[in-house]
Amino acid sequence: AFGYPHREIAEILGVTEAASQQILHRAKKHVADGRARTEID
C-alpha cells in the first residue's frame, strides 16, 4: 500500500531484509489464495 522498501520495513520490524521479503511472499500467497478480484469502474 505504501511502497516502503524492504530495507526500511526490516528496520521497522527488527528483522533482516531477506526475512521481510520472505514474509511478504507468504502474506501475498495467503491473500491470493482467498481472493479472486475483478476491478470494476
Full PDB file with SEQRES, HELIX, SHEET, SSBOND, CRYST1, ORIGX, SCALE, CONECT and MASTER records, all heavy atoms in Angstrom:
SEQRES   1 A   41  ALA PHE GLY TYR PRO HIS ARG GLU ILE ALA GLU ILE LEU          
SEQRES   2 A   41  GLY VAL THR GLU ALA ALA SER GLN GLN ILE LEU HIS ARG          
SEQRES   3 A   41  ALA LYS LYS HIS VAL ALA ASP GLY ARG ALA ARG THR GLU          
SEQRES   4 A   41  ILE ASP                                                      
HELIX    1 AA1 HIS A    6  LEU A   13  1                                   8    
HELIX    2 AA2 GLU A   17  ASP A   33  1                                  17    
CRYST1    1.000    1.000    1.000  90.00  90.00  90.00 P 1           1          
ORIGX1      1.000000  0.000000  0.000000        0.00000                         
ORIGX2      0.000000  1.000000  0.000000        0.00000                         
ORIGX3      0.000000  0.000000  1.000000        0.00000                         
SCALE1      1.000000  0.000000  0.000000        0.00000                         
SCALE2      0.000000  1.000000  0.000000        0.00000                         
SCALE3      0.000000  0.000000  1.000000        0.00000                         
ATOM      1  N   ALA A   1       0.808  -1.221   0.000  1.00  0.00           N  
ATOM      2  CA  ALA A   1       0.000   0.000   0.000  1.00  0.00           C  
ATOM      3  C   ALA A   1       0.839   1.268   0.000  1.00  0.00           C  
ATOM      4  O   ALA A   1       0.421   2.281  -0.566  1.00  0.00           O  
ATOM      5  CB  ALA A   1      -0.944   0.004   1.204  1.00  0.00           C  
ATOM      6  N   PHE A   2       2.007   1.222   0.622  1.00  0.00           N  
ATOM      7  CA  PHE A   2       2.769   2.456   0.802  1.00  0.00           C  
ATOM      8  C   PHE A   2       4.159   2.416   0.180  1.00  0.00           C  
ATOM      9  O   PHE A   2       4.896   3.398   0.261  1.00  0.00           O  
ATOM     10  CB  PHE A   2       2.851   2.801   2.298  1.00  0.00           C  
ATOM     11  CG  PHE A   2       1.506   3.128   2.873  1.00  0.00           C  
ATOM     12  CD1 PHE A   2       0.718   2.126   3.427  1.00  0.00           C  
ATOM     13  CD2 PHE A   2       0.995   4.418   2.813  1.00  0.00           C  
ATOM     14  CE1 PHE A   2      -0.547   2.413   3.924  1.00  0.00           C  
ATOM     15  CE2 PHE A   2      -0.263   4.706   3.314  1.00  0.00           C  
ATOM     16  CZ  PHE A   2      -1.036   3.712   3.865  1.00  0.00           C  
ATOM     17  N   GLY A   3       4.497   1.296  -0.448  1.00  0.00           N  
ATOM     18  CA  GLY A   3       5.720   1.227  -1.222  1.00  0.00           C  
ATOM     19  C   GLY A   3       7.014   1.341  -0.431  1.00  0.00           C  
ATOM     20  O   GLY A   3       8.051   1.718  -0.982  1.00  0.00           O  
ATOM     21  N   TYR A   4       6.975   1.005   0.862  1.00  0.00           N  
ATOM     22  CA  TYR A   4       8.217   1.080   1.645  1.00  0.00           C  
ATOM     23  C   TYR A   4       9.191   0.017   1.136  1.00  0.00           C  
ATOM     24  O   TYR A   4       8.806  -1.132   0.901  1.00  0.00           O  
ATOM     25  CB  TYR A   4       7.925   0.824   3.128  1.00  0.00           C  
ATOM     26  CG  TYR A   4       7.399   2.029   3.861  1.00  0.00           C  
ATOM     27  CD1 TYR A   4       6.045   2.345   3.833  1.00  0.00           C  
ATOM     28  CD2 TYR A   4       8.248   2.860   4.585  1.00  0.00           C  
ATOM     29  CE1 TYR A   4       5.549   3.463   4.499  1.00  0.00           C  
ATOM     30  CE2 TYR A   4       7.769   3.971   5.256  1.00  0.00           C  
ATOM     31  CZ  TYR A   4       6.418   4.260   5.205  1.00  0.00           C  
ATOM     32  OH  TYR A   4       5.942   5.374   5.853  1.00  0.00           O  
ATOM     33  N   PRO A   5      10.456   0.357   0.972  1.00  0.00           N  
ATOM     34  CA  PRO A   5      11.442  -0.661   0.580  1.00  0.00           C  
ATOM     35  C   PRO A   5      11.662  -1.646   1.718  1.00  0.00           C  
ATOM     36  O   PRO A   5      11.457  -1.318   2.891  1.00  0.00           O  
ATOM     37  CB  PRO A   5      12.703   0.162   0.309  1.00  0.00           C  
ATOM     38  CG  PRO A   5      12.528   1.440   1.051  1.00  0.00           C  
ATOM     39  CD  PRO A   5      11.055   1.706   1.105  1.00  0.00           C  
ATOM     40  N   HIS A   6      12.077  -2.844   1.346  1.00  0.00           N  
ATOM     41  CA  HIS A   6      12.269  -3.879   2.364  1.00  0.00           C  
ATOM     42  C   HIS A   6      13.322  -3.472   3.396  1.00  0.00           C  
ATOM     43  O   HIS A   6      13.248  -3.881   4.558  1.00  0.00           O  
ATOM     44  CB  HIS A   6      12.646  -5.209   1.700  1.00  0.00           C  
ATOM     45  CG  HIS A   6      11.477  -5.915   1.100  1.00  0.00           C  
ATOM     46  ND1 HIS A   6      10.491  -6.496   1.852  1.00  0.00           N  
ATOM     47  CD2 HIS A   6      11.134  -6.099  -0.205  1.00  0.00           C  
ATOM     48  CE1 HIS A   6       9.590  -7.053   1.048  1.00  0.00           C  
ATOM     49  NE2 HIS A   6       9.950  -6.821  -0.198  1.00  0.00           N  
ATOM     50  N   ARG A   7      14.287  -2.670   2.971  1.00  0.00           N  
ATOM     51  CA  ARG A   7      15.300  -2.209   3.920  1.00  0.00           C  
ATOM     52  C   ARG A   7      14.654  -1.433   5.067  1.00  0.00           C  
ATOM     53  O   ARG A   7      14.985  -1.651   6.238  1.00  0.00           O  
ATOM     54  CB  ARG A   7      16.318  -1.329   3.177  1.00  0.00           C  
ATOM     55  CG  ARG A   7      17.371  -0.676   4.078  1.00  0.00           C  
ATOM     56  CD  ARG A   7      18.313   0.186   3.249  1.00  0.00           C  
ATOM     57  NE  ARG A   7      17.611   1.126   2.399  1.00  0.00           N  
ATOM     58  CZ  ARG A   7      17.073   2.272   2.846  1.00  0.00           C  
ATOM     59  NH1 ARG A   7      17.178   2.601   4.121  1.00  0.00           N  
ATOM     60  NH2 ARG A   7      16.452   3.087   2.012  1.00  0.00           N  
ATOM     61  N   GLU A   8      13.712  -0.543   4.748  1.00  0.00           N  
ATOM     62  CA  GLU A   8      13.041   0.244   5.789  1.00  0.00           C  
ATOM     63  C   GLU A   8      12.079  -0.612   6.603  1.00  0.00           C  
ATOM     64  O   GLU A   8      11.957  -0.447   7.814  1.00  0.00           O  
ATOM     65  CB  GLU A   8      12.304   1.424   5.156  1.00  0.00           C  
ATOM     66  CG  GLU A   8      13.227   2.486   4.588  1.00  0.00           C  
ATOM     67  CD  GLU A   8      12.466   3.708   4.108  1.00  0.00           C  
ATOM     68  OE1 GLU A   8      11.381   3.991   4.651  1.00  0.00           O  
ATOM     69  OE2 GLU A   8      12.956   4.386   3.187  1.00  0.00           O  
ATOM     70  N   ILE A   9      11.379  -1.532   5.927  1.00  0.00           N  
ATOM     71  CA  ILE A   9      10.451  -2.416   6.651  1.00  0.00           C  
ATOM     72  C   ILE A   9      11.228  -3.275   7.644  1.00  0.00           C  
ATOM     73  O   ILE A   9      10.791  -3.480   8.784  1.00  0.00           O  
ATOM     74  CB  ILE A   9       9.668  -3.300   5.658  1.00  0.00           C  
ATOM     75  CG1 ILE A   9       8.779  -2.439   4.761  1.00  0.00           C  
ATOM     76  CG2 ILE A   9       8.817  -4.320   6.418  1.00  0.00           C  
ATOM     77  CD1 ILE A   9       8.100  -3.188   3.641  1.00  0.00           C  
ATOM     78  N   ALA A  10      12.383  -3.775   7.214  1.00  0.00           N  
ATOM     79  CA  ALA A  10      13.216  -4.588   8.101  1.00  0.00           C  
ATOM     80  C   ALA A  10      13.632  -3.792   9.335  1.00  0.00           C  
ATOM     81  O   ALA A  10      13.635  -4.317  10.461  1.00  0.00           O  
ATOM     82  CB  ALA A  10      14.449  -5.087   7.343  1.00  0.00           C  
ATOM     83  N   GLU A  11      13.967  -2.529   9.148  1.00  0.00           N  
ATOM     84  CA  GLU A  11      14.340  -1.660  10.263  1.00  0.00           C  
ATOM     85  C   GLU A  11      13.161  -1.445  11.203  1.00  0.00           C  
ATOM     86  O   GLU A  11      13.304  -1.475  12.426  1.00  0.00           O  
ATOM     87  CB  GLU A  11      14.837  -0.321   9.711  1.00  0.00           C  
ATOM     88  CG  GLU A  11      15.060   0.760  10.750  1.00  0.00           C  
ATOM     89  CD  GLU A  11      16.181   0.441  11.727  1.00  0.00           C  
ATOM     90  OE1 GLU A  11      17.058  -0.390  11.398  1.00  0.00           O  
ATOM     91  OE2 GLU A  11      16.162   1.015  12.830  1.00  0.00           O  
ATOM     92  N   ILE A  12      11.976  -1.250  10.644  1.00  0.00           N  
ATOM     93  CA  ILE A  12      10.777  -1.022  11.459  1.00  0.00           C  
ATOM     94  C   ILE A  12      10.452  -2.246  12.307  1.00  0.00           C  
ATOM     95  O   ILE A  12      10.128  -2.141  13.493  1.00  0.00           O  
ATOM     96  CB  ILE A  12       9.578  -0.666  10.546  1.00  0.00           C  
ATOM     97  CG1 ILE A  12       9.760   0.743   9.958  1.00  0.00           C  
ATOM     98  CG2 ILE A  12       8.251  -0.749  11.305  1.00  0.00           C  
ATOM     99  CD1 ILE A  12       8.773   1.086   8.865  1.00  0.00           C  
ATOM    100  N   LEU A  13      10.562  -3.431  11.705  1.00  0.00           N  
ATOM    101  CA  LEU A  13      10.146  -4.664  12.388  1.00  0.00           C  
ATOM    102  C   LEU A  13      11.283  -5.352  13.140  1.00  0.00           C  
ATOM    103  O   LEU A  13      11.038  -6.311  13.877  1.00  0.00           O  
ATOM    104  CB  LEU A  13       9.544  -5.646  11.378  1.00  0.00           C  
ATOM    105  CG  LEU A  13       8.281  -5.183  10.645  1.00  0.00           C  
ATOM    106  CD1 LEU A  13       7.785  -6.270   9.716  1.00  0.00           C  
ATOM    107  CD2 LEU A  13       7.186  -4.808  11.637  1.00  0.00           C  
ATOM    108  N   GLY A  14      12.500  -4.895  12.942  1.00  0.00           N  
ATOM    109  CA  GLY A  14      13.624  -5.529  13.616  1.00  0.00           C  
ATOM    110  C   GLY A  14      13.959  -6.895  13.056  1.00  0.00           C  
ATOM    111  O   GLY A  14      14.300  -7.825  13.799  1.00  0.00           O  
ATOM    112  N   VAL A  15      13.844  -7.042  11.713  1.00  0.00           N  
ATOM    113  CA  VAL A  15      14.186  -8.301  11.058  1.00  0.00           C  
ATOM    114  C   VAL A  15      15.192  -7.981   9.950  1.00  0.00           C  
ATOM    115  O   VAL A  15      15.512  -6.827   9.685  1.00  0.00           O  
ATOM    116  CB  VAL A  15      12.938  -8.983  10.451  1.00  0.00           C  
ATOM    117  CG1 VAL A  15      11.941  -9.336  11.551  1.00  0.00           C  
ATOM    118  CG2 VAL A  15      12.279  -8.107   9.387  1.00  0.00           C  
ATOM    119  N   THR A  16      15.677  -9.013   9.286  1.00  0.00           N  
ATOM    120  CA  THR A  16      16.577  -8.791   8.166  1.00  0.00           C  
ATOM    121  C   THR A  16      15.775  -8.440   6.918  1.00  0.00           C  
ATOM    122  O   THR A  16      14.568  -8.713   6.830  1.00  0.00           O  
ATOM    123  CB  THR A  16      17.421 -10.036   7.876  1.00  0.00           C  
ATOM    124  OG1 THR A  16      16.546 -11.095   7.434  1.00  0.00           O  
ATOM    125  CG2 THR A  16      18.184 -10.483   9.117  1.00  0.00           C  
ATOM    126  N   GLU A  17      16.465  -7.869   5.935  1.00  0.00           N  
ATOM    127  CA  GLU A  17      15.801  -7.530   4.680  1.00  0.00           C  
ATOM    128  C   GLU A  17      15.299  -8.795   3.980  1.00  0.00           C  
ATOM    129  O   GLU A  17      14.197  -8.807   3.411  1.00  0.00           O  
ATOM    130  CB  GLU A  17      16.769  -6.770   3.787  1.00  0.00           C  
ATOM    131  CG  GLU A  17      16.130  -6.122   2.586  1.00  0.00           C  
ATOM    132  CD  GLU A  17      17.080  -5.170   1.858  1.00  0.00           C  
ATOM    133  OE1 GLU A  17      18.053  -4.703   2.485  1.00  0.00           O  
ATOM    134  OE2 GLU A  17      16.820  -4.895   0.676  1.00  0.00           O  
ATOM    135  N   ALA A  18      16.084  -9.857   4.035  1.00  0.00           N  
ATOM    136  CA  ALA A  18      15.671 -11.123   3.416  1.00  0.00           C  
ATOM    137  C   ALA A  18      14.420 -11.676   4.095  1.00  0.00           C  
ATOM    138  O   ALA A  18      13.510 -12.198   3.437  1.00  0.00           O  
ATOM    139  CB  ALA A  18      16.808 -12.144   3.491  1.00  0.00           C  
ATOM    140  N   ALA A  19      14.365 -11.544   5.422  1.00  0.00           N  
ATOM    141  CA  ALA A  19      13.188 -12.023   6.152  1.00  0.00           C  
ATOM    142  C   ALA A  19      11.949 -11.230   5.763  1.00  0.00           C  
ATOM    143  O   ALA A  19      10.853 -11.791   5.611  1.00  0.00           O  
ATOM    144  CB  ALA A  19      13.426 -11.918   7.655  1.00  0.00           C  
ATOM    145  N   SER A  20      12.109  -9.922   5.581  1.00  0.00           N  
ATOM    146  CA  SER A  20      10.983  -9.092   5.163  1.00  0.00           C  
ATOM    147  C   SER A  20      10.448  -9.554   3.812  1.00  0.00           C  
ATOM    148  O   SER A  20       9.226  -9.640   3.612  1.00  0.00           O  
ATOM    149  CB  SER A  20      11.422  -7.628   5.090  1.00  0.00           C  
ATOM    150  OG  SER A  20      10.373  -6.815   4.601  1.00  0.00           O  
ATOM    151  N   GLN A  21      11.344  -9.874   2.899  1.00  0.00           N  
ATOM    152  CA  GLN A  21      10.933 -10.353   1.575  1.00  0.00           C  
ATOM    153  C   GLN A  21      10.190 -11.686   1.675  1.00  0.00           C  
ATOM    154  O   GLN A  21       9.177 -11.903   0.995  1.00  0.00           O  
ATOM    155  CB  GLN A  21      12.161 -10.482   0.670  1.00  0.00           C  
ATOM    156  CG  GLN A  21      12.808  -9.144   0.337  1.00  0.00           C  
ATOM    157  CD  GLN A  21      14.152  -9.298  -0.351  1.00  0.00           C  
ATOM    158  OE1 GLN A  21      14.800 -10.348  -0.263  1.00  0.00           O  
ATOM    159  NE2 GLN A  21      14.593  -8.251  -1.034  1.00  0.00           N  
ATOM    160  N   GLN A  22      10.677 -12.568   2.542  1.00  0.00           N  
ATOM    161  CA  GLN A  22      10.025 -13.870   2.717  1.00  0.00           C  
ATOM    162  C   GLN A  22       8.647 -13.708   3.354  1.00  0.00           C  
ATOM    163  O   GLN A  22       7.685 -14.389   2.973  1.00  0.00           O  
ATOM    164  CB  GLN A  22      10.899 -14.775   3.574  1.00  0.00           C  
ATOM    165  CG  GLN A  22      12.183 -15.220   2.882  1.00  0.00           C  
ATOM    166  CD  GLN A  22      13.138 -15.937   3.830  1.00  0.00           C  
ATOM    167  OE1 GLN A  22      12.931 -15.947   5.049  1.00  0.00           O  
ATOM    168  NE2 GLN A  22      14.192 -16.533   3.284  1.00  0.00           N  
ATOM    169  N   ILE A  23       8.546 -12.802   4.316  1.00  0.00           N  
ATOM    170  CA  ILE A  23       7.264 -12.553   4.977  1.00  0.00           C  
ATOM    171  C   ILE A  23       6.250 -12.021   3.963  1.00  0.00           C  
ATOM    172  O   ILE A  23       5.085 -12.433   3.948  1.00  0.00           O  
ATOM    173  CB  ILE A  23       7.438 -11.562   6.146  1.00  0.00           C  
ATOM    174  CG1 ILE A  23       8.238 -12.215   7.273  1.00  0.00           C  
ATOM    175  CG2 ILE A  23       6.075 -11.099   6.678  1.00  0.00           C  
ATOM    176  CD1 ILE A  23       8.690 -11.243   8.355  1.00  0.00           C  
ATOM    177  N   LEU A  24       6.690 -11.104   3.101  1.00  0.00           N  
ATOM    178  CA  LEU A  24       5.789 -10.567   2.081  1.00  0.00           C  
ATOM    179  C   LEU A  24       5.310 -11.667   1.143  1.00  0.00           C  
ATOM    180  O   LEU A  24       4.129 -11.721   0.786  1.00  0.00           O  
ATOM    181  CB  LEU A  24       6.481  -9.468   1.282  1.00  0.00           C  
ATOM    182  CG  LEU A  24       5.631  -8.885   0.137  1.00  0.00           C  
ATOM    183  CD1 LEU A  24       4.413  -8.154   0.683  1.00  0.00           C  
ATOM    184  CD2 LEU A  24       6.465  -7.958  -0.735  1.00  0.00           C  
ATOM    185  N   HIS A  25       6.225 -12.541   0.739  1.00  0.00           N  
ATOM    186  CA  HIS A  25       5.861 -13.641  -0.156  1.00  0.00           C  
ATOM    187  C   HIS A  25       4.761 -14.501   0.470  1.00  0.00           C  
ATOM    188  O   HIS A  25       3.768 -14.840  -0.198  1.00  0.00           O  
ATOM    189  CB  HIS A  25       7.099 -14.491  -0.467  1.00  0.00           C  
ATOM    190  CG  HIS A  25       6.807 -15.686  -1.337  1.00  0.00           C  
ATOM    191  ND1 HIS A  25       6.557 -15.583  -2.691  1.00  0.00           N  
ATOM    192  CD2 HIS A  25       6.693 -17.008  -1.021  1.00  0.00           C  
ATOM    193  CE1 HIS A  25       6.313 -16.790  -3.178  1.00  0.00           C  
ATOM    194  NE2 HIS A  25       6.396 -17.657  -2.190  1.00  0.00           N  
ATOM    195  N   ARG A  26       4.912 -14.831   1.751  1.00  0.00           N  
ATOM    196  CA  ARG A  26       3.888 -15.635   2.433  1.00  0.00           C  
ATOM    197  C   ARG A  26       2.573 -14.886   2.517  1.00  0.00           C  
ATOM    198  O   ARG A  26       1.498 -15.456   2.287  1.00  0.00           O  
ATOM    199  CB  ARG A  26       4.365 -16.012   3.846  1.00  0.00           C  
ATOM    200  CG  ARG A  26       5.490 -17.025   3.898  1.00  0.00           C  
ATOM    201  CD  ARG A  26       5.562 -17.676   5.272  1.00  0.00           C  
ATOM    202  NE  ARG A  26       5.666 -16.688   6.343  1.00  0.00           N  
ATOM    203  CZ  ARG A  26       6.809 -16.226   6.833  1.00  0.00           C  
ATOM    204  NH1 ARG A  26       7.957 -16.647   6.317  1.00  0.00           N  
ATOM    205  NH2 ARG A  26       6.828 -15.357   7.824  1.00  0.00           N  
ATOM    206  N   ALA A  27       2.647 -13.605   2.866  1.00  0.00           N  
ATOM    207  CA  ALA A  27       1.426 -12.813   3.030  1.00  0.00           C  
ATOM    208  C   ALA A  27       0.663 -12.709   1.718  1.00  0.00           C  
ATOM    209  O   ALA A  27      -0.560 -12.883   1.677  1.00  0.00           O  
ATOM    210  CB  ALA A  27       1.782 -11.422   3.555  1.00  0.00           C  
ATOM    211  N   LYS A  28       1.374 -12.431   0.632  1.00  0.00           N  
ATOM    212  CA  LYS A  28       0.714 -12.296  -0.663  1.00  0.00           C  
ATOM    213  C   LYS A  28       0.085 -13.611  -1.105  1.00  0.00           C  
ATOM    214  O   LYS A  28      -0.993 -13.622  -1.716  1.00  0.00           O  
ATOM    215  CB  LYS A  28       1.713 -11.804  -1.715  1.00  0.00           C  
ATOM    216  CG  LYS A  28       2.151 -10.362  -1.511  1.00  0.00           C  
ATOM    217  CD  LYS A  28       3.190  -9.925  -2.511  1.00  0.00           C  
ATOM    218  CE  LYS A  28       2.611  -9.754  -3.887  1.00  0.00           C  
ATOM    219  NZ  LYS A  28       3.584  -9.134  -4.821  1.00  0.00           N  
ATOM    220  N   LYS A  29       0.740 -14.725  -0.772  1.00  0.00           N  
ATOM    221  CA  LYS A  29       0.171 -16.031  -1.131  1.00  0.00           C  
ATOM    222  C   LYS A  29      -1.113 -16.279  -0.351  1.00  0.00           C  
ATOM    223  O   LYS A  29      -2.118 -16.741  -0.912  1.00  0.00           O  
ATOM    224  CB  LYS A  29       1.178 -17.133  -0.850  1.00  0.00           C  
ATOM    225  CG  LYS A  29       0.709 -18.508  -1.312  1.00  0.00           C  
ATOM    226  CD  LYS A  29       1.755 -19.573  -1.077  1.00  0.00           C  
ATOM    227  CE  LYS A  29       1.327 -20.900  -1.684  1.00  0.00           C  
ATOM    228  NZ  LYS A  29       0.010 -21.365  -1.214  1.00  0.00           N  
ATOM    229  N   HIS A  30      -1.111 -15.971   0.948  1.00  0.00           N  
ATOM    230  CA  HIS A  30      -2.319 -16.170   1.760  1.00  0.00           C  
ATOM    231  C   HIS A  30      -3.473 -15.327   1.218  1.00  0.00           C  
ATOM    232  O   HIS A  30      -4.614 -15.794   1.142  1.00  0.00           O  
ATOM    233  CB  HIS A  30      -2.052 -15.778   3.216  1.00  0.00           C  
ATOM    234  CG  HIS A  30      -1.175 -16.730   3.953  1.00  0.00           C  
ATOM    235  ND1 HIS A  30      -1.276 -18.102   3.815  1.00  0.00           N  
ATOM    236  CD2 HIS A  30      -0.169 -16.522   4.850  1.00  0.00           C  
ATOM    237  CE1 HIS A  30      -0.376 -18.683   4.588  1.00  0.00           C  
ATOM    238  NE2 HIS A  30       0.311 -17.750   5.219  1.00  0.00           N  
ATOM    239  N   VAL A  31      -3.183 -14.085   0.858  1.00  0.00           N  
ATOM    240  CA  VAL A  31      -4.238 -13.204   0.344  1.00  0.00           C  
ATOM    241  C   VAL A  31      -4.717 -13.700  -1.021  1.00  0.00           C  
ATOM    242  O   VAL A  31      -5.925 -13.772  -1.275  1.00  0.00           O  
ATOM    243  CB  VAL A  31      -3.734 -11.749   0.251  1.00  0.00           C  
ATOM    244  CG1 VAL A  31      -4.745 -10.876  -0.496  1.00  0.00           C  
ATOM    245  CG2 VAL A  31      -3.491 -11.182   1.646  1.00  0.00           C  
ATOM    246  N   ALA A  32      -3.788 -14.062  -1.902  1.00  0.00           N  
ATOM    247  CA  ALA A  32      -4.156 -14.504  -3.243  1.00  0.00           C  
ATOM    248  C   ALA A  32      -4.967 -15.795  -3.208  1.00  0.00           C  
ATOM    249  O   ALA A  32      -5.893 -15.984  -4.004  1.00  0.00           O  
ATOM    250  CB  ALA A  32      -2.904 -14.701  -4.101  1.00  0.00           C  
ATOM    251  N   ASP A  33      -4.647 -16.680  -2.270  1.00  0.00           N  
ATOM    252  CA  ASP A  33      -5.359 -17.955  -2.177  1.00  0.00           C  
ATOM    253  C   ASP A  33      -6.832 -17.764  -1.837  1.00  0.00           C  
ATOM    254  O   ASP A  33      -7.666 -18.613  -2.178  1.00  0.00           O  
ATOM    255  CB  ASP A  33      -4.716 -18.851  -1.109  1.00  0.00           C  
ATOM    256  CG  ASP A  33      -3.398 -19.448  -1.581  1.00  0.00           C  
ATOM    257  OD1 ASP A  33      -3.113 -19.363  -2.791  1.00  0.00           O  
ATOM    258  OD2 ASP A  33      -2.648 -19.977  -0.737  1.00  0.00           O  
ATOM    259  N   GLY A  34      -7.159 -16.657  -1.162  1.00  0.00           N  
ATOM    260  CA  GLY A  34      -8.547 -16.445  -0.773  1.00  0.00           C  
ATOM    261  C   GLY A  34      -9.249 -15.379  -1.570  1.00  0.00           C  
ATOM    262  O   GLY A  34     -10.358 -14.961  -1.223  1.00  0.00           O  
ATOM    263  N   ARG A  35      -8.630 -14.950  -2.676  1.00  0.00           N  
ATOM    264  CA  ARG A  35      -9.136 -13.762  -3.364  1.00  0.00           C  
ATOM    265  C   ARG A  35      -9.082 -13.927  -4.869  1.00  0.00           C  
ATOM    266  O   ARG A  35      -8.068 -14.335  -5.408  1.00  0.00           O  
ATOM    267  CB  ARG A  35      -8.268 -12.570  -2.940  1.00  0.00           C  
ATOM    268  CG  ARG A  35      -8.616 -11.250  -3.589  1.00  0.00           C  
ATOM    269  CD  ARG A  35      -9.718 -10.572  -2.830  1.00  0.00           C  
ATOM    270  NE  ARG A  35      -9.781  -9.154  -3.150  1.00  0.00           N  
ATOM    271  CZ  ARG A  35     -10.898  -8.533  -3.468  1.00  0.00           C  
ATOM    272  NH1 ARG A  35     -12.016  -9.199  -3.533  1.00  0.00           N  
ATOM    273  NH2 ARG A  35     -10.900  -7.239  -3.695  1.00  0.00           N  
ATOM    274  N   ALA A  36     -10.176 -13.635  -5.539  1.00  0.00           N  
ATOM    275  CA  ALA A  36     -10.216 -13.619  -6.999  1.00  0.00           C  
ATOM    276  C   ALA A  36     -10.945 -12.346  -7.411  1.00  0.00           C  
ATOM    277  O   ALA A  36     -12.119 -12.334  -7.713  1.00  0.00           O  
ATOM    278  CB  ALA A  36     -10.940 -14.847  -7.532  1.00  0.00           C  
ATOM    279  N   ARG A  37     -10.211 -11.242  -7.386  1.00  0.00           N  
ATOM    280  CA  ARG A  37     -10.842  -9.931  -7.532  1.00  0.00           C  
ATOM    281  C   ARG A  37     -10.860  -9.456  -8.979  1.00  0.00           C  
ATOM    282  O   ARG A  37      -9.917  -9.664  -9.715  1.00  0.00           O  
ATOM    283  CB  ARG A  37     -10.102  -8.896  -6.670  1.00  0.00           C  
ATOM    284  CG  ARG A  37     -10.796  -7.552  -6.637  1.00  0.00           C  
ATOM    285  CD  ARG A  37     -10.284  -6.720  -5.483  1.00  0.00           C  
ATOM    286  NE  ARG A  37     -11.136  -5.556  -5.291  1.00  0.00           N  
ATOM    287  CZ  ARG A  37     -10.829  -4.340  -5.725  1.00  0.00           C  
ATOM    288  NH1 ARG A  37      -9.717  -4.135  -6.381  1.00  0.00           N  
ATOM    289  NH2 ARG A  37     -11.646  -3.334  -5.512  1.00  0.00           N  
ATOM    290  N   THR A  38     -11.955  -8.804  -9.352  1.00  0.00           N  
ATOM    291  CA  THR A  38     -12.071  -8.165 -10.647  1.00  0.00           C  
ATOM    292  C   THR A  38     -12.278  -6.681 -10.417  1.00  0.00           C  
ATOM    293  O   THR A  38     -13.245  -6.278  -9.775  1.00  0.00           O  
ATOM    294  CB  THR A  38     -13.260  -8.744 -11.430  1.00  0.00           C  
ATOM    295  OG1 THR A  38     -13.091 -10.157 -11.573  1.00  0.00           O  
ATOM    296  CG2 THR A  38     -13.349  -8.116 -12.807  1.00  0.00           C  
ATOM    297  N   GLU A  39     -11.384  -5.853 -10.941  1.00  0.00           N  
ATOM    298  CA  GLU A  39     -11.548  -4.410 -10.776  1.00  0.00           C  
ATOM    299  C   GLU A  39     -12.646  -3.915 -11.715  1.00  0.00           C  
ATOM    300  O   GLU A  39     -12.688  -4.271 -12.891  1.00  0.00           O  
ATOM    301  CB  GLU A  39     -10.226  -3.693 -11.082  1.00  0.00           C  
ATOM    302  CG  GLU A  39      -9.224  -3.836  -9.970  1.00  0.00           C  
ATOM    303  CD  GLU A  39      -8.402  -2.574  -9.777  1.00  0.00           C  
ATOM    304  OE1 GLU A  39      -8.991  -1.477  -9.767  1.00  0.00           O  
ATOM    305  OE2 GLU A  39      -7.186  -2.707  -9.645  1.00  0.00           O  
ATOM    306  N   ILE A  40     -13.555  -3.110 -11.183  1.00  0.00           N  
ATOM    307  CA  ILE A  40     -14.651  -2.577 -11.982  1.00  0.00           C  
ATOM    308  C   ILE A  40     -14.745  -1.079 -11.754  1.00  0.00           C  
ATOM    309  O   ILE A  40     -14.373  -0.584 -10.690  1.00  0.00           O  
ATOM    310  CB  ILE A  40     -15.989  -3.257 -11.623  1.00  0.00           C  
ATOM    311  CG1 ILE A  40     -16.214  -3.251 -10.107  1.00  0.00           C  
ATOM    312  CG2 ILE A  40     -16.022  -4.672 -12.144  1.00  0.00           C  
ATOM    313  CD1 ILE A  40     -17.501  -3.881  -9.676  1.00  0.00           C  
ATOM    314  N   ASP A  41     -15.222  -0.368 -12.762  1.00  0.00           N  
ATOM    315  CA  ASP A  41     -15.278   1.081 -12.636  1.00  0.00           C  
ATOM    316  C   ASP A  41     -16.514   1.511 -11.843  1.00  0.00           C  
ATOM    317  O   ASP A  41     -17.379   0.692 -11.497  1.00  0.00           O  
ATOM    318  CB  ASP A  41     -15.241   1.761 -14.012  1.00  0.00           C  
ATOM    319  CG  ASP A  41     -16.423   1.360 -14.891  1.00  0.00           C  
ATOM    320  OD1 ASP A  41     -17.521   1.085 -14.364  1.00  0.00           O  
ATOM    321  OD2 ASP A  41     -16.251   1.331 -16.121  1.00  0.00           O  
TER     322      ASP A  41                                                      
MASTER        0    0    0    2    0    0    0    6  321    1    0    4          
END                                                                             
